[in-house]
Amino acid sequence: MILVTTDTISGKELEMLGMVKGSTIQTVNAVRDIGAGLKTLVGGELKRYNEMMNDARALATKRMVEEAESMGADAIVCVRYSSASVMQSAAEVMAYGTAVRFI
């Protein structure tokens, strides 16, 4: 499966199949959240939160690709990501784009 952020793929003629998306809501465990809260006092990178968001993006992308494959797509164009805080220490990540077939 080819994923691109552009609306075309060089050298390919595309048939649009429709929008596809994948999402997940992730959180860190409470103990690590307390540690992250203390980290805000001294500053620095919140590594566990970075890991959580990377995992969430990967899962959202996987779900988007599975939806595209079920439509018979060869690629997804205009891929975008969004995230939103759902509650303290939890975030939703969504991946979305347009499924296409090569003609």
PDB file of N, CA and C in Angstrom:
ATOM      1  N   MET A   1       0.849  -1.173   0.000  1.00  0.00           N
ATOM      2  CA  MET A   1       0.000   0.000   0.000  1.00  0.00           C
ATOM      3  C   MET A   1       0.894   1.234   0.000  1.00  0.00           C
ATOM      4  N   ILE A   2       0.648   2.125  -0.935  1.00  0.00           N
ATOM      5  CA  ILE A   2       1.386   3.380  -1.020  1.00  0.00           C
ATOM      6  C   ILE A   2       0.599   4.448  -0.264  1.00  0.00           C
ATOM      7  N   LEU A   3       1.280   5.169   0.614  1.00  0.00           N
ATOM      8  CA  LEU A   3       0.664   6.274   1.357  1.00  0.00           C
ATOM      9  C   LEU A   3       1.413   7.549   1.013  1.00  0.00           C
ATOM     10  N   VAL A   4       0.692   8.573   0.565  1.00  0.00           N
ATOM     11  CA  VAL A   4       1.323   9.854   0.246  1.00  0.00           C
ATOM     12  C   VAL A   4       0.473  10.997   0.790  1.00  0.00           C
ATOM     13  N   THR A   5       1.127  12.109   1.046  1.00  0.00           N
ATOM     14  CA  THR A   5       0.406  13.296   1.507  1.00  0.00           C
ATOM     15  C   THR A   5      -0.046  14.165   0.343  1.00  0.00           C
ATOM     16  N   THR A   6       0.423  13.860  -0.854  1.00  0.00           N
ATOM     17  CA  THR A   6       0.034  14.613  -2.048  1.00  0.00           C
ATOM     18  C   THR A   6      -1.297  14.095  -2.588  1.00  0.00           C
ATOM     19  N   ASP A   7      -1.891  14.852  -3.525  1.00  0.00           N
ATOM     20  CA  ASP A   7      -3.177  14.407  -4.082  1.00  0.00           C
ATOM     21  C   ASP A   7      -3.002  13.606  -5.366  1.00  0.00           C
ATOM     22  N   THR A   8      -1.761  13.403  -5.789  1.00  0.00           N
ATOM     23  CA  THR A   8      -1.471  12.576  -6.965  1.00  0.00           C
ATOM     24  C   THR A   8      -0.260  11.700  -6.657  1.00  0.00           C
ATOM     25  N   ILE A   9      -0.066  10.696  -7.520  1.00  0.00           N
ATOM     26  CA  ILE A   9       1.135   9.860  -7.449  1.00  0.00           C
ATOM     27  C   ILE A   9       1.768   9.935  -8.830  1.00  0.00           C
ATOM     28  N   SER A  10       2.970  10.420  -8.888  1.00  0.00           N
ATOM     29  CA  SER A  10       3.658  10.647 -10.146  1.00  0.00           C
ATOM     30  C   SER A  10       3.626   9.401 -11.035  1.00  0.00           C
ATOM     31  N   GLY A  11       3.189   9.597 -12.280  1.00  0.00           N
ATOM     32  CA  GLY A  11       3.171   8.508 -13.249  1.00  0.00           C
ATOM     33  C   GLY A  11       1.982   7.576 -13.141  1.00  0.00           C
ATOM     34  N   LYS A  12       1.049   7.858 -12.242  1.00  0.00           N
ATOM     35  CA  LYS A  12      -0.112   6.984 -12.058  1.00  0.00           C
ATOM     36  C   LYS A  12      -1.407   7.749 -12.339  1.00  0.00           C
ATOM     37  N   GLU A  13      -2.315   7.071 -13.008  1.00  0.00           N
ATOM     38  CA  GLU A  13      -3.671   7.606 -13.167  1.00  0.00           C
ATOM     39  C   GLU A  13      -4.522   6.949 -12.092  1.00  0.00           C
ATOM     40  N   LEU A  14      -5.308   7.764 -11.390  1.00  0.00           N
ATOM     41  CA  LEU A  14      -6.004   7.279 -10.201  1.00  0.00           C
ATOM     42  C   LEU A  14      -7.516   7.302 -10.356  1.00  0.00           C
ATOM     43  N   GLU A  15      -8.142   6.268  -9.817  1.00  0.00           N
ATOM     44  CA  GLU A  15      -9.599   6.228  -9.658  1.00  0.00           C
ATOM     45  C   GLU A  15      -9.867   6.388  -8.161  1.00  0.00           C
ATOM     46  N   MET A  16     -10.608   7.418  -7.810  1.00  0.00           N
ATOM     47  CA  MET A  16     -10.907   7.672  -6.400  1.00  0.00           C
ATOM     48  C   MET A  16     -11.966   6.674  -5.921  1.00  0.00           C
ATOM     49  N   LEU A  17     -11.710   6.048  -4.774  1.00  0.00           N
ATOM     50  CA  LEU A  17     -12.646   5.075  -4.211  1.00  0.00           C
ATOM     51  C   LEU A  17     -13.424   5.639  -3.030  1.00  0.00           C
ATOM     52  N   GLY A  18     -12.856   6.609  -2.340  1.00  0.00           N
ATOM     53  CA  GLY A  18     -13.551   7.202  -1.205  1.00  0.00           C
ATOM     54  C   GLY A  18     -12.624   7.442  -0.025  1.00  0.00           C
ATOM     55  N   MET A  19     -13.157   8.151   0.947  1.00  0.00           N
ATOM     56  CA  MET A  19     -12.385   8.473   2.143  1.00  0.00           C
ATOM     57  C   MET A  19     -12.218   7.236   3.021  1.00  0.00           C
ATOM     58  N   VAL A  20     -11.041   7.124   3.615  1.00  0.00           N
ATOM     59  CA  VAL A  20     -10.771   6.061   4.579  1.00  0.00           C
ATOM     60  C   VAL A  20     -10.180   6.696   5.830  1.00  0.00           C
ATOM     61  N   LYS A  21     -10.387   6.033   6.967  1.00  0.00           N
ATOM     62  CA  LYS A  21      -9.868   6.573   8.212  1.00  0.00           C
ATOM     63  C   LYS A  21      -9.568   5.447   9.172  1.00  0.00           C
ATOM     64  N   GLY A  22      -8.749   5.772  10.138  1.00  0.00           N
ATOM     65  CA  GLY A  22      -8.453   4.864  11.233  1.00  0.00           C
ATOM     66  C   GLY A  22      -8.226   5.720  12.457  1.00  0.00           C
ATOM     67  N   SER A  23      -8.644   5.235  13.610  1.00  0.00           N
ATOM     68  CA  SER A  23      -8.435   6.028  14.821  1.00  0.00           C
ATOM     69  C   SER A  23      -8.220   5.126  16.025  1.00  0.00           C
ATOM     70  N   THR A  24      -7.702   5.726  17.067  1.00  0.00           N
ATOM     71  CA  THR A  24      -7.511   5.039  18.332  1.00  0.00           C
ATOM     72  C   THR A  24      -7.459   6.078  19.435  1.00  0.00           C
ATOM     73  N   ILE A  25      -7.784   5.659  20.629  1.00  0.00           N
ATOM     74  CA  ILE A  25      -7.618   6.500  21.806  1.00  0.00           C
ATOM     75  C   ILE A  25      -6.653   5.776  22.729  1.00  0.00           C
ATOM     76  N   GLN A  26      -5.582   6.463  23.092  1.00  0.00           N
ATOM     77  CA  GLN A  26      -4.517   5.861  23.890  1.00  0.00           C
ATOM     78  C   GLN A  26      -4.324   6.656  25.173  1.00  0.00           C
ATOM     79  N   THR A  27      -3.791   5.995  26.166  1.00  0.00           N
ATOM     80  CA  THR A  27      -3.450   6.640  27.427  1.00  0.00           C
ATOM     81  C   THR A  27      -2.193   5.992  27.990  1.00  0.00           C
ATOM     82  N   VAL A  28      -1.566   6.660  28.929  1.00  0.00           N
ATOM     83  CA  VAL A  28      -0.441   6.065  29.654  1.00  0.00           C
ATOM     84  C   VAL A  28      -0.964   5.621  31.008  1.00  0.00           C
ATOM     85  N   ASN A  29      -0.242   4.704  31.655  1.00  0.00           N
ATOM     86  CA  ASN A  29      -0.739   4.240  32.955  1.00  0.00           C
ATOM     87  C   ASN A  29      -0.576   5.335  34.017  1.00  0.00           C
ATOM     88  N   ALA A  30      -1.331   5.238  35.070  1.00  0.00           N
ATOM     89  CA  ALA A  30      -1.397   6.289  36.096  1.00  0.00           C
ATOM     90  C   ALA A  30      -0.062   6.555  36.761  1.00  0.00           C
ATOM     91  N   VAL A  31       0.720   5.519  37.008  1.00  0.00           N
ATOM     92  CA  VAL A  31       2.018   5.699  37.670  1.00  0.00           C
ATOM     93  C   VAL A  31       2.940   6.540  36.793  1.00  0.00           C
ATOM     94  N   ARG A  32       2.985   6.218  35.506  1.00  0.00           N
ATOM     95  CA  ARG A  32       3.841   6.993  34.595  1.00  0.00           C
ATOM     96  C   ARG A  32       3.298   8.404  34.410  1.00  0.00           C
ATOM     97  N   ASP A  33       1.979   8.561  34.504  1.00  0.00           N
ATOM     98  CA  ASP A  33       1.386   9.890  34.384  1.00  0.00           C
ATOM     99  C   ASP A  33       1.825  10.776  35.551  1.00  0.00           C
ATOM    100  N   ILE A  34       1.893  10.204  36.734  1.00  0.00           N
ATOM    101  CA  ILE A  34       2.365  10.961  37.901  1.00  0.00           C
ATOM    102  C   ILE A  34       3.818  11.382  37.680  1.00  0.00           C
ATOM    103  N   GLY A  35       4.625  10.460  37.175  1.00  0.00           N
ATOM    104  CA  GLY A  35       6.025  10.780  36.875  1.00  0.00           C
ATOM    105  C   GLY A  35       6.143  11.881  35.841  1.00  0.00           C
ATOM    106  N   ALA A  36       5.276  11.862  34.831  1.00  0.00           N
ATOM    107  CA  ALA A  36       5.290  12.905  33.810  1.00  0.00           C
ATOM    108  C   ALA A  36       4.882  14.242  34.410  1.00  0.00           C
ATOM    109  N   GLY A  37       3.940  14.206  35.349  1.00  0.00           N
ATOM    110  CA  GLY A  37       3.529  15.428  36.025  1.00  0.00           C
ATOM    111  C   GLY A  37       4.678  16.051  36.790  1.00  0.00           C
ATOM    112  N   LEU A  38       5.474  15.226  37.445  1.00  0.00           N
ATOM    113  CA  LEU A  38       6.649  15.724  38.169  1.00  0.00           C
ATOM    114  C   LEU A  38       7.694  16.269  37.197  1.00  0.00           C
ATOM    115  N   LYS A  39       7.771  15.670  36.024  1.00  0.00           N
ATOM    116  CA  LYS A  39       8.740  16.107  35.009  1.00  0.00           C
ATOM    117  C   LYS A  39       8.456  17.545  34.570  1.00  0.00           C
ATOM    118  N   THR A  40       7.212  17.971  34.636  1.00  0.00           N
ATOM    119  CA  THR A  40       6.879  19.336  34.233  1.00  0.00           C
ATOM    120  C   THR A  40       7.515  20.366  35.160  1.00  0.00           C
ATOM    121  N   LEU A  41       7.895  19.952  36.358  1.00  0.00           N
ATOM    122  CA  LEU A  41       8.545  20.872  37.288  1.00  0.00           C
ATOM    123  C   LEU A  41       9.978  21.201  36.864  1.00  0.00           C
ATOM    124  N   VAL A  42      10.646  20.230  36.263  1.00  0.00           N
ATOM    125  CA  VAL A  42      12.046  20.431  35.893  1.00  0.00           C
ATOM    126  C   VAL A  42      12.251  20.570  34.389  1.00  0.00           C
ATOM    127  N   GLY A  43      11.240  20.246  33.613  1.00  0.00           N
ATOM    128  CA  GLY A  43      11.339  20.357  32.158  1.00  0.00           C
ATOM    129  C   GLY A  43      11.951  19.116  31.536  1.00  0.00           C
ATOM    130  N   GLY A  44      11.875  19.045  30.232  1.00  0.00           N
ATOM    131  CA  GLY A  44      12.459  17.927  29.496  1.00  0.00           C
ATOM    132  C   GLY A  44      11.418  17.167  28.703  1.00  0.00           C
ATOM    133  N   GLU A  45      11.899  16.226  27.950  1.00  0.00           N
ATOM    134  CA  GLU A  45      11.043  15.433  27.072  1.00  0.00           C
ATOM    135  C   GLU A  45      10.248  14.411  27.874  1.00  0.00           C
ATOM    136  N   LEU A  46       8.982  14.259  27.510  1.00  0.00           N
ATOM    137  CA  LEU A  46       8.118  13.242  28.126  1.00  0.00           C
ATOM    138  C   LEU A  46       8.157  12.009  27.223  1.00  0.00           C
ATOM    139  N   LYS A  47       9.154  11.187  27.420  1.00  0.00           N
ATOM    140  CA  LYS A  47       9.415  10.068  26.502  1.00  0.00           C
ATOM    141  C   LYS A  47       8.256   9.091  26.428  1.00  0.00           C
ATOM    142  N   ARG A  48       7.613   8.797  27.525  1.00  0.00           N
ATOM    143  CA  ARG A  48       6.502   7.832  27.508  1.00  0.00           C
ATOM    144  C   ARG A  48       5.339   8.379  26.696  1.00  0.00           C
ATOM    145  N   TYR A  49       5.116   9.688  26.755  1.00  0.00           N
ATOM    146  CA  TYR A  49       4.054  10.279  25.941  1.00  0.00           C
ATOM    147  C   TYR A  49       4.414  10.233  24.453  1.00  0.00           C
ATOM    148  N   ASN A  50       5.692  10.444  24.131  1.00  0.00           N
ATOM    149  CA  ASN A  50       6.121  10.296  22.738  1.00  0.00           C
ATOM    150  C   ASN A  50       5.871   8.878  22.240  1.00  0.00           C
ATOM    151  N   GLU A  51       6.228   7.900  23.061  1.00  0.00           N
ATOM    152  CA  GLU A  51       5.997   6.499  22.701  1.00  0.00           C
ATOM    153  C   GLU A  51       4.508   6.229  22.501  1.00  0.00           C
ATOM    154  N   MET A  52       3.688   6.758  23.411  1.00  0.00           N
ATOM    155  CA  MET A  52       2.243   6.559  23.315  1.00  0.00           C
ATOM    156  C   MET A  52       1.711   7.129  22.006  1.00  0.00           C
ATOM    157  N   MET A  53       2.136   8.339  21.649  1.00  0.00           N
ATOM    158  CA  MET A  53       1.642   8.968  20.418  1.00  0.00           C
ATOM    159  C   MET A  53       2.162   8.244  19.174  1.00  0.00           C
ATOM    160  N   ASN A  54       3.406   7.764  19.202  1.00  0.00           N
ATOM    161  CA  ASN A  54       3.924   6.979  18.078  1.00  0.00           C
ATOM    162  C   ASN A  54       3.129   5.693  17.903  1.00  0.00           C
ATOM    163  N   ASP A  55       2.844   5.015  19.004  1.00  0.00           N
ATOM    164  CA  ASP A  55       2.031   3.790  18.943  1.00  0.00           C
ATOM    165  C   ASP A  55       0.635   4.094  18.412  1.00  0.00           C
ATOM    166  N   ALA A  56       0.055   5.188  18.866  1.00  0.00           N
ATOM    167  CA  ALA A  56      -1.295   5.564  18.434  1.00  0.00           C
ATOM    168  C   ALA A  56      -1.314   5.878  16.942  1.00  0.00           C
ATOM    169  N   ARG A  57      -0.319   6.616  16.439  1.00  0.00           N
ATOM    170  CA  ARG A  57      -0.259   6.920  15.003  1.00  0.00           C
ATOM    171  C   ARG A  57      -0.110   5.648  14.184  1.00  0.00           C
ATOM    172  N   ALA A  58       0.729   4.735  14.653  1.00  0.00           N
ATOM    173  CA  ALA A  58       0.931   3.470  13.931  1.00  0.00           C
ATOM    174  C   ALA A  58      -0.360   2.661  13.871  1.00  0.00           C
ATOM    175  N   LEU A  59      -1.082   2.585  14.982  1.00  0.00           N
ATOM    176  CA  LEU A  59      -2.335   1.832  15.010  1.00  0.00           C
ATOM    177  C   LEU A  59      -3.409   2.499  14.144  1.00  0.00           C
ATOM    178  N   ALA A  60      -3.514   3.815  14.209  1.00  0.00           N
ATOM    179  CA  ALA A  60      -4.493   4.532  13.388  1.00  0.00           C
ATOM    180  C   ALA A  60      -4.179   4.332  11.902  1.00  0.00           C
ATOM    181  N   THR A  61      -2.894   4.380  11.549  1.00  0.00           N
ATOM    182  CA  THR A  61      -2.489   4.162  10.153  1.00  0.00           C
ATOM    183  C   THR A  61      -2.832   2.749   9.708  1.00  0.00           C
ATOM    184  N   LYS A  62      -2.554   1.771  10.549  1.00  0.00           N
ATOM    185  CA  LYS A  62      -2.867   0.370  10.228  1.00  0.00           C
ATOM    186  C   LYS A  62      -4.357   0.196   9.969  1.00  0.00           C
ATOM    187  N   ARG A  63      -5.183   0.795  10.799  1.00  0.00           N
ATOM    188  CA  ARG A  63      -6.633   0.677  10.622  1.00  0.00           C
ATOM    189  C   ARG A  63      -7.103   1.371   9.346  1.00  0.00           C
ATOM    190  N   MET A  64      -6.492   2.510   9.018  1.00  0.00           N
ATOM    191  CA  MET A  64      -6.837   3.201   7.780  1.00  0.00           C
ATOM    192  C   MET A  64      -6.467   2.342   6.571  1.00  0.00           C
ATOM    193  N   VAL A  65      -5.280   1.748   6.591  1.00  0.00           N
ATOM    194  CA  VAL A  65      -4.825   0.901   5.493  1.00  0.00           C
ATOM    195  C   VAL A  65      -5.734  -0.315   5.348  1.00  0.00           C
ATOM    196  N   GLU A  66      -6.132  -0.929   6.449  1.00  0.00           N
ATOM    197  CA  GLU A  66      -7.040  -2.082   6.384  1.00  0.00           C
ATOM    198  C   GLU A  66      -8.361  -1.705   5.726  1.00  0.00           C
ATOM    199  N   GLU A  67      -8.882  -0.524   6.056  1.00  0.00           N
ATOM    200  CA  GLU A  67     -10.131  -0.071   5.425  1.00  0.00           C
ATOM    201  C   GLU A  67      -9.938   0.124   3.924  1.00  0.00           C
ATOM    202  N   ALA A  68      -8.804   0.703   3.532  1.00  0.00           N
ATOM    203  CA  ALA A  68      -8.518   0.918   2.109  1.00  0.00           C
ATOM    204  C   ALA A  68      -8.366  -0.412   1.371  1.00  0.00           C
ATOM    205  N   GLU A  69      -7.680  -1.354   1.993  1.00  0.00           N
ATOM    206  CA  GLU A  69      -7.502  -2.673   1.369  1.00  0.00           C
ATOM    207  C   GLU A  69      -8.842  -3.359   1.160  1.00  0.00           C
ATOM    208  N   SER A  70      -9.766  -3.197   2.099  1.00  0.00           N
ATOM    209  CA  SER A  70     -11.087  -3.825   1.956  1.00  0.00           C
ATOM    210  C   SER A  70     -11.875  -3.227   0.793  1.00  0.00           C
ATOM    211  N   MET A  71     -11.479  -2.028   0.350  1.00  0.00           N
ATOM    212  CA  MET A  71     -12.121  -1.381  -0.798  1.00  0.00           C
ATOM    213  C   MET A  71     -11.409  -1.715  -2.107  1.00  0.00           C
ATOM    214  N   GLY A  72     -10.310  -2.462  -2.026  1.00  0.00           N
ATOM    215  CA  GLY A  72      -9.533  -2.800  -3.212  1.00  0.00           C
ATOM    216  C   GLY A  72      -8.571  -1.704  -3.636  1.00  0.00           C
ATOM    217  N   ALA A  73      -8.165  -0.852  -2.721  1.00  0.00           N
ATOM    218  CA  ALA A  73      -7.286   0.269  -3.040  1.00  0.00           C
ATOM    219  C   ALA A  73      -5.844  -0.179  -3.240  1.00  0.00           C
ATOM    220  N   ASP A  74      -5.138   0.570  -4.080  1.00  0.00           N
ATOM    221  CA  ASP A  74      -3.705   0.376  -4.284  1.00  0.00           C
ATOM    222  C   ASP A  74      -2.891   1.384  -3.479  1.00  0.00           C
ATOM    223  N   ALA A  75      -3.537   2.494  -3.115  1.00  0.00           N
ATOM    224  CA  ALA A  75      -2.822   3.562  -2.422  1.00  0.00           C
ATOM    225  C   ALA A  75      -3.818   4.439  -1.671  1.00  0.00           C
ATOM    226  N   ILE A  76      -3.265   5.286  -0.816  1.00  0.00           N
ATOM    227  CA  ILE A  76      -4.058   6.310  -0.138  1.00  0.00           C
ATOM    228  C   ILE A  76      -3.350   7.629  -0.372  1.00  0.00           C
ATOM    229  N   VAL A  77      -4.072   8.594  -0.935  1.00  0.00           N
ATOM    230  CA  VAL A  77      -3.520   9.921  -1.185  1.00  0.00           C
ATOM    231  C   VAL A  77      -4.082  10.906  -0.177  1.00  0.00           C
ATOM    232  N   CYS A  78      -3.434  12.054  -0.082  1.00  0.00           N
ATOM    233  CA  CYS A  78      -3.866  13.120   0.838  1.00  0.00           C
ATOM    234  C   CYS A  78      -3.928  12.639   2.286  1.00  0.00           C
ATOM    235  N   VAL A  79      -2.961  11.832   2.698  1.00  0.00           N
ATOM    236  CA  VAL A  79      -2.955  11.300   4.066  1.00  0.00           C
ATOM    237  C   VAL A  79      -2.706  12.435   5.055  1.00  0.00           C
ATOM    238  N   ARG A  80      -3.530  12.472   6.088  1.00  0.00           N
ATOM    239  CA  ARG A  80      -3.413  13.473   7.143  1.00  0.00           C
ATOM    240  C   ARG A  80      -3.585  12.794   8.497  1.00  0.00           C
ATOM    241  N   TYR A  81      -3.058  13.440   9.524  1.00  0.00           N
ATOM    242  CA  TYR A  81      -3.210  12.983  10.902  1.00  0.00           C
ATOM    243  C   TYR A  81      -3.784  14.120  11.731  1.00  0.00           C
ATOM    244  N   SER A  82      -4.600  13.756  12.696  1.00  0.00           N
ATOM    245  CA  SER A  82      -5.068  14.745  13.664  1.00  0.00           C
ATOM    246  C   SER A  82      -5.059  14.090  15.036  1.00  0.00           C
ATOM    247  N   SER A  83      -4.957  14.923  16.048  1.00  0.00           N
ATOM    248  CA  SER A  83      -5.014  14.400  17.409  1.00  0.00           C
ATOM    249  C   SER A  83      -5.786  15.374  18.271  1.00  0.00           C
ATOM    250  N   ALA A  84      -6.386  14.831  19.305  1.00  0.00           N
ATOM    251  CA  ALA A  84      -7.166  15.651  20.235  1.00  0.00           C
ATOM    252  C   ALA A  84      -7.104  15.014  21.608  1.00  0.00           C
ATOM    253  N   SER A  85      -7.083  15.850  22.605  1.00  0.00           N
ATOM    254  CA  SER A  85      -7.134  15.373  23.977  1.00  0.00           C
ATOM    255  C   SER A  85      -8.567  14.959  24.288  1.00  0.00           C
ATOM    256  N   VAL A  86      -8.729  13.752  24.798  1.00  0.00           N
ATOM    257  CA  VAL A  86     -10.060  13.249  25.124  1.00  0.00           C
ATOM    258  C   VAL A  86     -10.348  13.462  26.602  1.00  0.00           C
ATOM    259  N   MET A  87      -9.341  13.250  27.409  1.00  0.00           N
ATOM    260  CA  MET A  87      -9.390  13.486  28.846  1.00  0.00           C
ATOM    261  C   MET A  87      -7.955  13.601  29.311  1.00  0.00           C
ATOM    262  N   GLN A  88      -7.739  13.915  30.557  1.00  0.00           N
ATOM    263  CA  GLN A  88      -6.368  14.040  31.030  1.00  0.00           C
ATOM    264  C   GLN A  88      -5.614  12.738  30.784  1.00  0.00           C
ATOM    265  N   SER A  89      -4.462  12.838  30.145  1.00  0.00           N
ATOM    266  CA  SER A  89      -3.570  11.705  29.859  1.00  0.00           C
ATOM    267  C   SER A  89      -4.080  10.779  28.763  1.00  0.00           C
ATOM    268  N   ALA A  90      -5.126  11.155  28.035  1.00  0.00           N
ATOM    269  CA  ALA A  90      -5.624  10.321  26.941  1.00  0.00           C
ATOM    270  C   ALA A  90      -5.789  11.175  25.695  1.00  0.00           C
ATOM    271  N   ALA A  91      -5.389  10.605  24.561  1.00  0.00           N
ATOM    272  CA  ALA A  91      -5.483  11.331  23.302  1.00  0.00           C
ATOM    273  C   ALA A  91      -6.050  10.432  22.220  1.00  0.00           C
ATOM    274  N   GLU A  92      -6.855  11.038  21.354  1.00  0.00           N
ATOM    275  CA  GLU A  92      -7.334  10.342  20.168  1.00  0.00           C
ATOM    276  C   GLU A  92      -6.432  10.750  19.013  1.00  0.00           C
ATOM    277  N   VAL A  93      -6.031   9.770  18.223  1.00  0.00           N
ATOM    278  CA  VAL A  93      -5.271  10.029  17.005  1.00  0.00           C
ATOM    279  C   VAL A  93      -6.074   9.465  15.851  1.00  0.00           C
ATOM    280  N   MET A  94      -6.233  10.272  14.805  1.00  0.00           N
ATOM    281  CA  MET A  94      -6.959   9.838  13.620  1.00  0.00           C
ATOM    282  C   MET A  94      -6.061  10.000  12.402  1.00  0.00           C
ATOM    283  N   ALA A  95      -6.064   8.993  11.545  1.00  0.00           N
ATOM    284  CA  ALA A  95      -5.388   9.044  10.254  1.00  0.00           C
ATOM    285  C   ALA A  95      -6.487   8.965   9.202  1.00  0.00           C
ATOM    286  N   TYR A  96      -6.395   9.802   8.174  1.00  0.00           N
ATOM    287  CA  TYR A  96      -7.420   9.767   7.135  1.00  0.00           C
ATOM    288  C   TYR A  96      -6.840  10.181   5.794  1.00  0.00           C
ATOM    289  N   GLY A  97      -7.504   9.772   4.736  1.00  0.00           N
ATOM    290  CA  GLY A  97      -7.074  10.094   3.386  1.00  0.00           C
ATOM    291  C   GLY A  97      -8.080   9.575   2.377  1.00  0.00           C
ATOM    292  N   THR A  98      -7.692   9.581   1.115  1.00  0.00           N
ATOM    293  CA  THR A  98      -8.559   9.114   0.029  1.00  0.00           C
ATOM    294  C   THR A  98      -7.984   7.845  -0.559  1.00  0.00           C
ATOM    295  N   ALA A  99      -8.762   6.775  -0.532  1.00  0.00           N
ATOM    296  CA  ALA A  99      -8.343   5.501  -1.131  1.00  0.00           C
ATOM    297  C   ALA A  99      -8.457   5.615  -2.646  1.00  0.00           C
ATOM    298  N   VAL A 100      -7.443   5.113  -3.350  1.00  0.00           N
ATOM    299  CA  VAL A 100      -7.436   5.167  -4.812  1.00  0.00           C
ATOM    300  C   VAL A 100      -7.000   3.821  -5.379  1.00  0.00           C
ATOM    301  N   ARG A 101      -7.412   3.597  -6.617  1.00  0.00           N
ATOM    302  CA  ARG A 101      -6.996   2.423  -7.374  1.00  0.00           C
ATOM    303  C   ARG A 101      -6.262   2.930  -8.618  1.00  0.00           C
ATOM    304  N   PHE A 102      -5.226   2.225  -9.023  1.00  0.00           N
ATOM    305  CA  PHE A 102      -4.508   2.601 -10.252  1.00  0.00           C
ATOM    306  C   PHE A 102      -5.298   2.135 -11.469  1.00  0.00           C
ATOM    307  N   ILE A 103      -5.343   2.986 -12.495  1.00  0.00           N
ATOM    308  CA  ILE A 103      -6.010   2.587 -13.738  1.00  0.00           C
ATOM    309  C   ILE A 103      -5.005   2.480 -14.866  1.00  0.00           C
TER     310      ILE A 103
END
